[in-house]
Amino acid sequence: MPRQLSEKAQIVSRIEEGWSIRAVAQLYNRNKKTILKIKQRWEQEDSLKRKIGSGRPKLTNPEQDAAFLGYLRNNPFATVRDAVIDTAFPASQLPPAGE
C-alpha cells in the first residue's frame, strides 16, 4: 500500500475509533479540512484512492522526457536552461539568462 494511502487508512481508523477531526489533524500534522475530506470520501465512496484523472495533467510526453534525460546524460555539465532550449522541452517558466 502506498505511504499516502496507508496514512489515509490510519486517519480513517482513528476517526472510526472516535478521535476528533482536530485531534487527528494534529497527530498527522494536516489541516482539519484535509482530514474532513478524507473522512467524507471514505463515507461517500468507501474508498481512499484518488479518482482516475485527478491531479495536475503532465506537460510532457514520454518521448520529450526521454529526450531531455538523454541530453542531460550526454551533457552532464549543461545547465537546465540549455537543456530546455536545446531539446525544445516545454518548460512552465524558464528563468531569464544569467539568473
PDB file of N, CA and C in Angstrom:
ATOM      1  N   MET A   1       0.852  -1.182   0.000  1.00  0.00           N
ATOM      2  CA  MET A   1       0.000   0.000   0.000  1.00  0.00           C
ATOM      3  C   MET A   1       0.894   1.240   0.000  1.00  0.00           C
ATOM      4  N   PRO A   2       0.679   2.189  -0.917  1.00  0.00           N
ATOM      5  CA  PRO A   2       1.496   3.402  -0.940  1.00  0.00           C
ATOM      6  C   PRO A   2       1.409   4.150   0.389  1.00  0.00           C
ATOM      7  N   ARG A   3       2.458   4.846   0.726  1.00  0.00           N
ATOM      8  CA  ARG A   3       2.535   5.538   2.008  1.00  0.00           C
ATOM      9  C   ARG A   3       1.351   6.472   2.213  1.00  0.00           C
ATOM     10  N   GLN A   4       1.009   7.235   1.189  1.00  0.00           N
ATOM     11  CA  GLN A   4      -0.077   8.187   1.321  1.00  0.00           C
ATOM     12  C   GLN A   4      -1.399   7.470   1.584  1.00  0.00           C
ATOM     13  N   LEU A   5      -1.634   6.381   0.883  1.00  0.00           N
ATOM     14  CA  LEU A   5      -2.858   5.621   1.066  1.00  0.00           C
ATOM     15  C   LEU A   5      -2.874   4.992   2.453  1.00  0.00           C
ATOM     16  N   SER A   6      -1.726   4.519   2.914  1.00  0.00           N
ATOM     17  CA  SER A   6      -1.617   3.934   4.242  1.00  0.00           C
ATOM     18  C   SER A   6      -1.945   4.975   5.311  1.00  0.00           C
ATOM     19  N   GLU A   7      -1.458   6.193   5.127  1.00  0.00           N
ATOM     20  CA  GLU A   7      -1.742   7.262   6.083  1.00  0.00           C
ATOM     21  C   GLU A   7      -3.231   7.574   6.094  1.00  0.00           C
ATOM     22  N   LYS A   8      -3.850   7.594   4.935  1.00  0.00           N
ATOM     23  CA  LYS A   8      -5.287   7.851   4.868  1.00  0.00           C
ATOM     24  C   LYS A   8      -6.064   6.759   5.594  1.00  0.00           C
ATOM     25  N   ALA A   9      -5.619   5.514   5.454  1.00  0.00           N
ATOM     26  CA  ALA A   9      -6.275   4.404   6.148  1.00  0.00           C
ATOM     27  C   ALA A   9      -6.137   4.573   7.660  1.00  0.00           C
ATOM     28  N   GLN A  10      -4.978   5.009   8.104  1.00  0.00           N
ATOM     29  CA  GLN A  10      -4.771   5.248   9.533  1.00  0.00           C
ATOM     30  C   GLN A  10      -5.667   6.381  10.027  1.00  0.00           C
ATOM     31  N   ILE A  11      -5.826   7.412   9.212  1.00  0.00           N
ATOM     32  CA  ILE A  11      -6.683   8.543   9.578  1.00  0.00           C
ATOM     33  C   ILE A  11      -8.120   8.078   9.744  1.00  0.00           C
ATOM     34  N   VAL A  12      -8.616   7.319   8.774  1.00  0.00           N
ATOM     35  CA  VAL A  12      -9.990   6.809   8.849  1.00  0.00           C
ATOM     36  C   VAL A  12     -10.149   5.918  10.076  1.00  0.00           C
ATOM     37  N   SER A  13      -9.162   5.099  10.344  1.00  0.00           N
ATOM     38  CA  SER A  13      -9.210   4.208  11.501  1.00  0.00           C
ATOM     39  C   SER A  13      -9.324   5.001  12.800  1.00  0.00           C
ATOM     40  N   ARG A  14      -8.539   6.047  12.932  1.00  0.00           N
ATOM     41  CA  ARG A  14      -8.600   6.891  14.144  1.00  0.00           C
ATOM     42  C   ARG A  14      -9.980   7.529  14.288  1.00  0.00           C
ATOM     43  N   ILE A  15     -10.519   8.022  13.190  1.00  0.00           N
ATOM     44  CA  ILE A  15     -11.842   8.652  13.240  1.00  0.00           C
ATOM     45  C   ILE A  15     -12.890   7.629  13.667  1.00  0.00           C
ATOM     46  N   GLU A  16     -12.801   6.427  13.109  1.00  0.00           N
ATOM     47  CA  GLU A  16     -13.760   5.377  13.469  1.00  0.00           C
ATOM     48  C   GLU A  16     -13.589   4.922  14.917  1.00  0.00           C
ATOM     49  N   GLU A  17     -12.393   5.126  15.476  1.00  0.00           N
ATOM     50  CA  GLU A  17     -12.153   4.812  16.887  1.00  0.00           C
ATOM     51  C   GLU A  17     -12.725   5.888  17.802  1.00  0.00           C
ATOM     52  N   GLY A  18     -13.172   7.004  17.206  1.00  0.00           N
ATOM     53  CA  GLY A  18     -13.783   8.062  18.000  1.00  0.00           C
ATOM     54  C   GLY A  18     -12.935   9.306  18.181  1.00  0.00           C
ATOM     55  N   TRP A  19     -11.777   9.346  17.548  1.00  0.00           N
ATOM     56  CA  TRP A  19     -10.941  10.537  17.631  1.00  0.00           C
ATOM     57  C   TRP A  19     -11.654  11.700  16.944  1.00  0.00           C
ATOM     58  N   SER A  20     -11.417  12.899  17.438  1.00  0.00           N
ATOM     59  CA  SER A  20     -11.988  14.087  16.797  1.00  0.00           C
ATOM     60  C   SER A  20     -11.173  14.442  15.554  1.00  0.00           C
ATOM     61  N   ILE A  21     -11.816  15.173  14.659  1.00  0.00           N
ATOM     62  CA  ILE A  21     -11.129  15.639  13.444  1.00  0.00           C
ATOM     63  C   ILE A  21      -9.905  16.464  13.841  1.00  0.00           C
ATOM     64  N   ARG A  22     -10.080  17.313  14.830  1.00  0.00           N
ATOM     65  CA  ARG A  22      -8.996  18.184  15.283  1.00  0.00           C
ATOM     66  C   ARG A  22      -7.812  17.371  15.811  1.00  0.00           C
ATOM     67  N   ALA A  23      -8.103  16.361  16.628  1.00  0.00           N
ATOM     68  CA  ALA A  23      -7.030  15.542  17.204  1.00  0.00           C
ATOM     69  C   ALA A  23      -6.275  14.775  16.119  1.00  0.00           C
ATOM     70  N   VAL A  24      -7.008  14.247  15.151  1.00  0.00           N
ATOM     71  CA  VAL A  24      -6.371  13.511  14.052  1.00  0.00           C
ATOM     72  C   VAL A  24      -5.518  14.465  13.220  1.00  0.00           C
ATOM     73  N   ALA A  25      -6.039  15.654  12.958  1.00  0.00           N
ATOM     74  CA  ALA A  25      -5.291  16.652  12.183  1.00  0.00           C
ATOM     75  C   ALA A  25      -3.983  17.006  12.886  1.00  0.00           C
ATOM     76  N   GLN A  26      -4.039  17.158  14.190  1.00  0.00           N
ATOM     77  CA  GLN A  26      -2.822  17.479  14.944  1.00  0.00           C
ATOM     78  C   GLN A  26      -1.838  16.311  14.922  1.00  0.00           C
ATOM     79  N   LEU A  27      -2.353  15.098  15.083  1.00  0.00           N
ATOM     80  CA  LEU A  27      -1.494  13.915  15.107  1.00  0.00           C
ATOM     81  C   LEU A  27      -0.717  13.752  13.801  1.00  0.00           C
ATOM     82  N   TYR A  28      -1.400  13.972  12.665  1.00  0.00           N
ATOM     83  CA  TYR A  28      -0.770  13.770  11.356  1.00  0.00           C
ATOM     84  C   TYR A  28      -0.244  15.067  10.741  1.00  0.00           C
ATOM     85  N   ASN A  29      -0.331  16.147  11.507  1.00  0.00           N
ATOM     86  CA  ASN A  29       0.150  17.448  11.039  1.00  0.00           C
ATOM     87  C   ASN A  29      -0.495  17.823   9.706  1.00  0.00           C
ATOM     88  N   ARG A  30      -1.811  17.705   9.659  1.00  0.00           N
ATOM     89  CA  ARG A  30      -2.597  18.031   8.470  1.00  0.00           C
ATOM     90  C   ARG A  30      -3.667  19.049   8.854  1.00  0.00           C
ATOM     91  N   ASN A  31      -4.140  19.774   7.864  1.00  0.00           N
ATOM     92  CA  ASN A  31      -5.226  20.721   8.066  1.00  0.00           C
ATOM     93  C   ASN A  31      -6.515  19.958   8.374  1.00  0.00           C
ATOM     94  N   LYS A  32      -7.370  20.552   9.201  1.00  0.00           N
ATOM     95  CA  LYS A  32      -8.642  19.895   9.545  1.00  0.00           C
ATOM     96  C   LYS A  32      -9.488  19.627   8.306  1.00  0.00           C
ATOM     97  N   LYS A  33      -9.446  20.536   7.342  1.00  0.00           N
ATOM     98  CA  LYS A  33     -10.221  20.342   6.108  1.00  0.00           C
ATOM     99  C   LYS A  33      -9.736  19.114   5.341  1.00  0.00           C
ATOM    100  N   THR A  34      -8.436  18.873   5.359  1.00  0.00           N
ATOM    101  CA  THR A  34      -7.879  17.697   4.685  1.00  0.00           C
ATOM    102  C   THR A  34      -8.405  16.425   5.334  1.00  0.00           C
ATOM    103  N   ILE A  35      -8.406  16.392   6.653  1.00  0.00           N
ATOM    104  CA  ILE A  35      -8.907  15.226   7.386  1.00  0.00           C
ATOM    105  C   ILE A  35     -10.392  15.035   7.104  1.00  0.00           C
ATOM    106  N   LEU A  36     -11.127  16.126   7.076  1.00  0.00           N
ATOM    107  CA  LEU A  36     -12.564  16.053   6.801  1.00  0.00           C
ATOM    108  C   LEU A  36     -12.831  15.528   5.390  1.00  0.00           C
ATOM    109  N   LYS A  37     -12.032  15.952   4.413  1.00  0.00           N
ATOM    110  CA  LYS A  37     -12.188  15.454   3.037  1.00  0.00           C
ATOM    111  C   LYS A  37     -11.948  13.949   2.966  1.00  0.00           C
ATOM    112  N   ILE A  38     -10.913  13.484   3.666  1.00  0.00           N
ATOM    113  CA  ILE A  38     -10.615  12.048   3.683  1.00  0.00           C
ATOM    114  C   ILE A  38     -11.787  11.290   4.295  1.00  0.00           C
ATOM    115  N   LYS A  39     -12.308  11.813   5.388  1.00  0.00           N
ATOM    116  CA  LYS A  39     -13.451  11.178   6.065  1.00  0.00           C
ATOM    117  C   LYS A  39     -14.668  11.135   5.147  1.00  0.00           C
ATOM    118  N   GLN A  40     -14.965  12.252   4.491  1.00  0.00           N
ATOM    119  CA  GLN A  40     -16.136  12.320   3.607  1.00  0.00           C
ATOM    120  C   GLN A  40     -15.981  11.391   2.408  1.00  0.00           C
ATOM    121  N   ARG A  41     -14.795  11.331   1.817  1.00  0.00           N
ATOM    122  CA  ARG A  41     -14.582  10.436   0.680  1.00  0.00           C
ATOM    123  C   ARG A  41     -14.804   8.986   1.114  1.00  0.00           C
ATOM    124  N   TRP A  42     -14.329   8.649   2.299  1.00  0.00           N
ATOM    125  CA  TRP A  42     -14.500   7.288   2.807  1.00  0.00           C
ATOM    126  C   TRP A  42     -15.988   6.979   3.003  1.00  0.00           C
ATOM    127  N   GLU A  43     -16.719   7.921   3.585  1.00  0.00           N
ATOM    128  CA  GLU A  43     -18.146   7.701   3.854  1.00  0.00           C
ATOM    129  C   GLU A  43     -18.972   7.651   2.571  1.00  0.00           C
ATOM    130  N   GLN A  44     -18.645   8.486   1.595  1.00  0.00           N
ATOM    131  CA  GLN A  44     -19.450   8.580   0.376  1.00  0.00           C
ATOM    132  C   GLN A  44     -19.066   7.536  -0.670  1.00  0.00           C
ATOM    133  N   GLU A  45     -17.778   7.237  -0.793  1.00  0.00           N
ATOM    134  CA  GLU A  45     -17.316   6.373  -1.879  1.00  0.00           C
ATOM    135  C   GLU A  45     -16.740   5.046  -1.393  1.00  0.00           C
ATOM    136  N   ASP A  46     -16.586   4.906  -0.086  1.00  0.00           N
ATOM    137  CA  ASP A  46     -15.998   3.700   0.501  1.00  0.00           C
ATOM    138  C   ASP A  46     -14.625   3.414  -0.118  1.00  0.00           C
ATOM    139  N   SER A  47     -13.885   4.494  -0.377  1.00  0.00           N
ATOM    140  CA  SER A  47     -12.569   4.371  -0.996  1.00  0.00           C
ATOM    141  C   SER A  47     -11.673   5.502  -0.515  1.00  0.00           C
ATOM    142  N   LEU A  48     -10.381   5.236  -0.493  1.00  0.00           N
ATOM    143  CA  LEU A  48      -9.404   6.258  -0.127  1.00  0.00           C
ATOM    144  C   LEU A  48      -8.546   6.666  -1.314  1.00  0.00           C
ATOM    145  N   LYS A  49      -8.706   5.973  -2.428  1.00  0.00           N
ATOM    146  CA  LYS A  49      -7.899   6.255  -3.617  1.00  0.00           C
ATOM    147  C   LYS A  49      -8.401   7.502  -4.330  1.00  0.00           C
ATOM    148  N   ARG A  50      -7.467   8.165  -5.007  1.00  0.00           N
ATOM    149  CA  ARG A  50      -7.835   9.321  -5.822  1.00  0.00           C
ATOM    150  C   ARG A  50      -8.608   8.846  -7.041  1.00  0.00           C
ATOM    151  N   LYS A  51      -9.451   9.718  -7.541  1.00  0.00           N
ATOM    152  CA  LYS A  51     -10.196   9.390  -8.754  1.00  0.00           C
ATOM    153  C   LYS A  51      -9.246   9.370  -9.945  1.00  0.00           C
ATOM    154  N   ILE A  52      -9.518   8.493 -10.887  1.00  0.00           N
ATOM    155  CA  ILE A  52      -8.709   8.411 -12.097  1.00  0.00           C
ATOM    156  C   ILE A  52      -8.815   9.737 -12.846  1.00  0.00           C
ATOM    157  N   GLY A  53      -7.681  10.252 -13.257  1.00  0.00           N
ATOM    158  CA  GLY A  53      -7.666  11.510 -13.992  1.00  0.00           C
ATOM    159  C   GLY A  53      -7.592  12.735 -13.100  1.00  0.00           C
ATOM    160  N   SER A  54      -7.599  12.541 -11.781  1.00  0.00           N
ATOM    161  CA  SER A  54      -7.488  13.696 -10.896  1.00  0.00           C
ATOM    162  C   SER A  54      -6.022  14.100 -10.802  1.00  0.00           C
ATOM    163  N   GLY A  55      -5.794  15.289 -10.401  1.00  0.00           N
ATOM    164  CA  GLY A  55      -4.424  15.777 -10.292  1.00  0.00           C
ATOM    165  C   GLY A  55      -4.031  16.601 -11.504  1.00  0.00           C
ATOM    166  N   ARG A  56      -2.883  17.182 -11.406  1.00  0.00           N
ATOM    167  CA  ARG A  56      -2.386  18.053 -12.463  1.00  0.00           C
ATOM    168  C   ARG A  56      -1.972  17.226 -13.680  1.00  0.00           C
ATOM    169  N   PRO A  57      -2.406  17.633 -14.875  1.00  0.00           N
ATOM    170  CA  PRO A  57      -2.006  16.890 -16.074  1.00  0.00           C
ATOM    171  C   PRO A  57      -0.522  17.096 -16.385  1.00  0.00           C
ATOM    172  N   LYS A  58       0.103  16.068 -16.954  1.00  0.00           N
ATOM    173  CA  LYS A  58       1.511  16.172 -17.337  1.00  0.00           C
ATOM    174  C   LYS A  58       1.669  17.170 -18.482  1.00  0.00           C
ATOM    175  N   LEU A  59       2.760  17.889 -18.449  1.00  0.00           N
ATOM    176  CA  LEU A  59       3.058  18.855 -19.508  1.00  0.00           C
ATOM    177  C   LEU A  59       3.861  18.224 -20.636  1.00  0.00           C
ATOM    178  N   THR A  60       4.439  17.058 -20.371  1.00  0.00           N
ATOM    179  CA  THR A  60       5.305  16.423 -21.359  1.00  0.00           C
ATOM    180  C   THR A  60       4.840  15.001 -21.646  1.00  0.00           C
ATOM    181  N   ASN A  61       5.336  14.475 -22.757  1.00  0.00           N
ATOM    182  CA  ASN A  61       5.037  13.078 -23.083  1.00  0.00           C
ATOM    183  C   ASN A  61       6.309  12.253 -22.855  1.00  0.00           C
ATOM    184  N   PRO A  62       6.214  10.925 -22.897  1.00  0.00           N
ATOM    185  CA  PRO A  62       7.391  10.088 -22.629  1.00  0.00           C
ATOM    186  C   PRO A  62       8.571  10.360 -23.568  1.00  0.00           C
ATOM    187  N   GLU A  63       8.295  10.689 -24.823  1.00  0.00           N
ATOM    188  CA  GLU A  63       9.379  10.971 -25.765  1.00  0.00           C
ATOM    189  C   GLU A  63      10.139  12.234 -25.357  1.00  0.00           C
ATOM    190  N   GLN A  64       9.409  13.267 -24.947  1.00  0.00           N
ATOM    191  CA  GLN A  64      10.052  14.504 -24.509  1.00  0.00           C
ATOM    192  C   GLN A  64      10.875  14.265 -23.244  1.00  0.00           C
ATOM    193  N   ASP A  65      10.325  13.473 -22.329  1.00  0.00           N
ATOM    194  CA  ASP A  65      11.055  13.152 -21.102  1.00  0.00           C
ATOM    195  C   ASP A  65      12.360  12.430 -21.433  1.00  0.00           C
ATOM    196  N   ALA A  66      12.279  11.441 -22.331  1.00  0.00           N
ATOM    197  CA  ALA A  66      13.463  10.661 -22.707  1.00  0.00           C
ATOM    198  C   ALA A  66      14.506  11.543 -23.391  1.00  0.00           C
ATOM    199  N   ALA A  67      14.063  12.439 -24.268  1.00  0.00           N
ATOM    200  CA  ALA A  67      14.997  13.329 -24.962  1.00  0.00           C
ATOM    201  C   ALA A  67      15.707  14.247 -23.970  1.00  0.00           C
ATOM    202  N   PHE A  68      14.961  14.764 -23.018  1.00  0.00           N
ATOM    203  CA  PHE A  68      15.528  15.669 -22.019  1.00  0.00           C
ATOM    204  C   PHE A  68      16.552  14.938 -21.147  1.00  0.00           C
ATOM    205  N   LEU A  69      16.176  13.756 -20.657  1.00  0.00           N
ATOM    206  CA  LEU A  69      17.094  12.983 -19.817  1.00  0.00           C
ATOM    207  C   LEU A  69      18.321  12.520 -20.599  1.00  0.00           C
ATOM    208  N   GLY A  70      18.107  12.136 -21.857  1.00  0.00           N
ATOM    209  CA  GLY A  70      19.231  11.737 -22.699  1.00  0.00           C
ATOM    210  C   GLY A  70      20.205  12.882 -22.905  1.00  0.00           C
ATOM    211  N   TYR A  71      19.669  14.074 -23.125  1.00  0.00           N
ATOM    212  CA  TYR A  71      20.519  15.257 -23.294  1.00  0.00           C
ATOM    213  C   TYR A  71      21.365  15.477 -22.041  1.00  0.00           C
ATOM    214  N   LEU A  72      20.725  15.384 -20.880  1.00  0.00           N
ATOM    215  CA  LEU A  72      21.453  15.616 -19.629  1.00  0.00           C
ATOM    216  C   LEU A  72      22.501  14.531 -19.366  1.00  0.00           C
ATOM    217  N   ARG A  73      22.217  13.296 -19.766  1.00  0.00           N
ATOM    218  CA  ARG A  73      23.208  12.222 -19.605  1.00  0.00           C
ATOM    219  C   ARG A  73      24.420  12.456 -20.509  1.00  0.00           C
ATOM    220  N   ASN A  74      24.164  12.922 -21.722  1.00  0.00           N
ATOM    221  CA  ASN A  74      25.245  13.160 -22.681  1.00  0.00           C
ATOM    222  C   ASN A  74      25.976  14.473 -22.434  1.00  0.00           C
ATOM    223  N   ASN A  75      25.345  15.384 -21.715  1.00  0.00           N
ATOM    224  CA  ASN A  75      25.925  16.698 -21.433  1.00  0.00           C
ATOM    225  C   ASN A  75      25.803  16.980 -19.931  1.00  0.00           C
ATOM    226  N   PRO A  76      26.560  16.265 -19.105  1.00  0.00           N
ATOM    227  CA  PRO A  76      26.368  16.364 -17.655  1.00  0.00           C
ATOM    228  C   PRO A  76      26.660  17.741 -17.062  1.00  0.00           C
ATOM    229  N   PHE A  77      27.378  18.580 -17.784  1.00  0.00           N
ATOM    230  CA  PHE A  77      27.692  19.896 -17.250  1.00  0.00           C
ATOM    231  C   PHE A  77      26.818  20.997 -17.859  1.00  0.00           C
ATOM    232  N   ALA A  78      25.846  20.614 -18.650  1.00  0.00           N
ATOM    233  CA  ALA A  78      24.932  21.595 -19.245  1.00  0.00           C
ATOM    234  C   ALA A  78      24.001  22.136 -18.168  1.00  0.00           C
ATOM    235  N   THR A  79      23.593  23.372 -18.342  1.00  0.00           N
ATOM    236  CA  THR A  79      22.612  23.938 -17.415  1.00  0.00           C
ATOM    237  C   THR A  79      21.221  23.446 -17.808  1.00  0.00           C
ATOM    238  N   VAL A  80      20.310  23.531 -16.876  1.00  0.00           N
ATOM    239  CA  VAL A  80      18.930  23.146 -17.177  1.00  0.00           C
ATOM    240  C   VAL A  80      18.383  24.047 -18.277  1.00  0.00           C
ATOM    241  N   ARG A  81      18.737  25.317 -18.221  1.00  0.00           N
ATOM    242  CA  ARG A  81      18.283  26.263 -19.250  1.00  0.00           C
ATOM    243  C   ARG A  81      18.724  25.804 -20.640  1.00  0.00           C
ATOM    244  N   ASP A  82      19.997  25.420 -20.776  1.00  0.00           N
ATOM    245  CA  ASP A  82      20.496  24.936 -22.068  1.00  0.00           C
ATOM    246  C   ASP A  82      19.760  23.673 -22.500  1.00  0.00           C
ATOM    247  N   ALA A  83      19.526  22.775 -21.556  1.00  0.00           N
ATOM    248  CA  ALA A  83      18.828  21.524 -21.880  1.00  0.00           C
ATOM    249  C   ALA A  83      17.410  21.803 -22.358  1.00  0.00           C
ATOM    250  N   VAL A  84      16.730  22.722 -21.704  1.00  0.00           N
ATOM    251  CA  VAL A  84      15.355  23.076 -22.101  1.00  0.00           C
ATOM    252  C   VAL A  84      15.351  23.652 -23.509  1.00  0.00           C
ATOM    253  N   ILE A  85      16.268  24.562 -23.774  1.00  0.00           N
ATOM    254  CA  ILE A  85      16.320  25.213 -25.088  1.00  0.00           C
ATOM    255  C   ILE A  85      16.725  24.219 -26.176  1.00  0.00           C
ATOM    256  N   ASP A  86      17.776  23.435 -25.931  1.00  0.00           N
ATOM    257  CA  ASP A  86      18.297  22.522 -26.952  1.00  0.00           C
ATOM    258  C   ASP A  86      17.361  21.361 -27.274  1.00  0.00           C
ATOM    259  N   THR A  87      16.521  20.972 -26.318  1.00  0.00           N
ATOM    260  CA  THR A  87      15.596  19.854 -26.564  1.00  0.00           C
ATOM    261  C   THR A  87      14.176  20.329 -26.838  1.00  0.00           C
ATOM    262  N   ALA A  88      13.971  21.650 -26.861  1.00  0.00           N
ATOM    263  CA  ALA A  88      12.628  22.229 -27.033  1.00  0.00           C
ATOM    264  C   ALA A  88      11.668  21.659 -25.991  1.00  0.00           C
ATOM    265  N   PHE A  89      12.190  21.475 -24.787  1.00  0.00           N
ATOM    266  CA  PHE A  89      11.396  20.924 -23.687  1.00  0.00           C
ATOM    267  C   PHE A  89      10.387  21.965 -23.228  1.00  0.00           C
ATOM    268  N   PRO A  90       9.116  21.582 -23.088  1.00  0.00           N
ATOM    269  CA  PRO A  90       8.099  22.563 -22.680  1.00  0.00           C
ATOM    270  C   PRO A  90       8.237  22.912 -21.201  1.00  0.00           C
ATOM    271  N   ALA A  91       8.924  24.001 -20.912  1.00  0.00           N
ATOM    272  CA  ALA A  91       9.107  24.438 -19.527  1.00  0.00           C
ATOM    273  C   ALA A  91       7.982  25.384 -19.145  1.00  0.00           C
ATOM    274  N   SER A  92       7.489  25.242 -17.924  1.00  0.00           N
ATOM    275  CA  SER A  92       6.410  26.120 -17.492  1.00  0.00           C
ATOM    276  C   SER A  92       6.918  27.543 -17.337  1.00  0.00           C
ATOM    277  N   GLN A  93       8.098  27.702 -16.756  1.00  0.00           N
ATOM    278  CA  GLN A  93       8.705  29.022 -16.629  1.00  0.00           C
ATOM    279  C   GLN A  93      10.213  28.852 -16.719  1.00  0.00           C
ATOM    280  N   LEU A  94      10.801  29.544 -17.629  1.00  0.00           N
ATOM    281  CA  LEU A  94      12.247  29.483 -17.801  1.00  0.00           C
ATOM    282  C   LEU A  94      12.832  30.783 -17.270  1.00  0.00           C
ATOM    283  N   PRO A  95      13.748  30.711 -16.306  1.00  0.00           N
ATOM    284  CA  PRO A  95      14.303  31.952 -15.756  1.00  0.00           C
ATOM    285  C   PRO A  95      15.111  32.701 -16.809  1.00  0.00           C
ATOM    286  N   PRO A  96      15.183  34.011 -16.680  1.00  0.00           N
ATOM    287  CA  PRO A  96      15.992  34.790 -17.618  1.00  0.00           C
ATOM    288  C   PRO A  96      17.452  34.347 -17.563  1.00  0.00           C
ATOM    289  N   ALA A  97      18.163  34.522 -18.665  1.00  0.00           N
ATOM    290  CA  ALA A  97      19.578  34.137 -18.733  1.00  0.00           C
ATOM    291  C   ALA A  97      20.364  34.895 -17.676  1.00  0.00           C
ATOM    292  N   GLY A  98      21.310  34.223 -17.054  1.00  0.00           N
ATOM    293  CA  GLY A  98      22.159  34.868 -16.061  1.00  0.00           C
ATOM    294  C   GLY A  98      21.636  34.766 -14.646  1.00  0.00           C
ATOM    295  N   GLU A  99      20.491  34.150 -14.446  1.00  0.00           N
ATOM    296  CA  GLU A  99      19.962  34.010 -13.080  1.00  0.00           C
ATOM    297  C   GLU A  99      20.085  32.602 -12.606  1.00  0.00           C
TER     298      GLU A  99
END
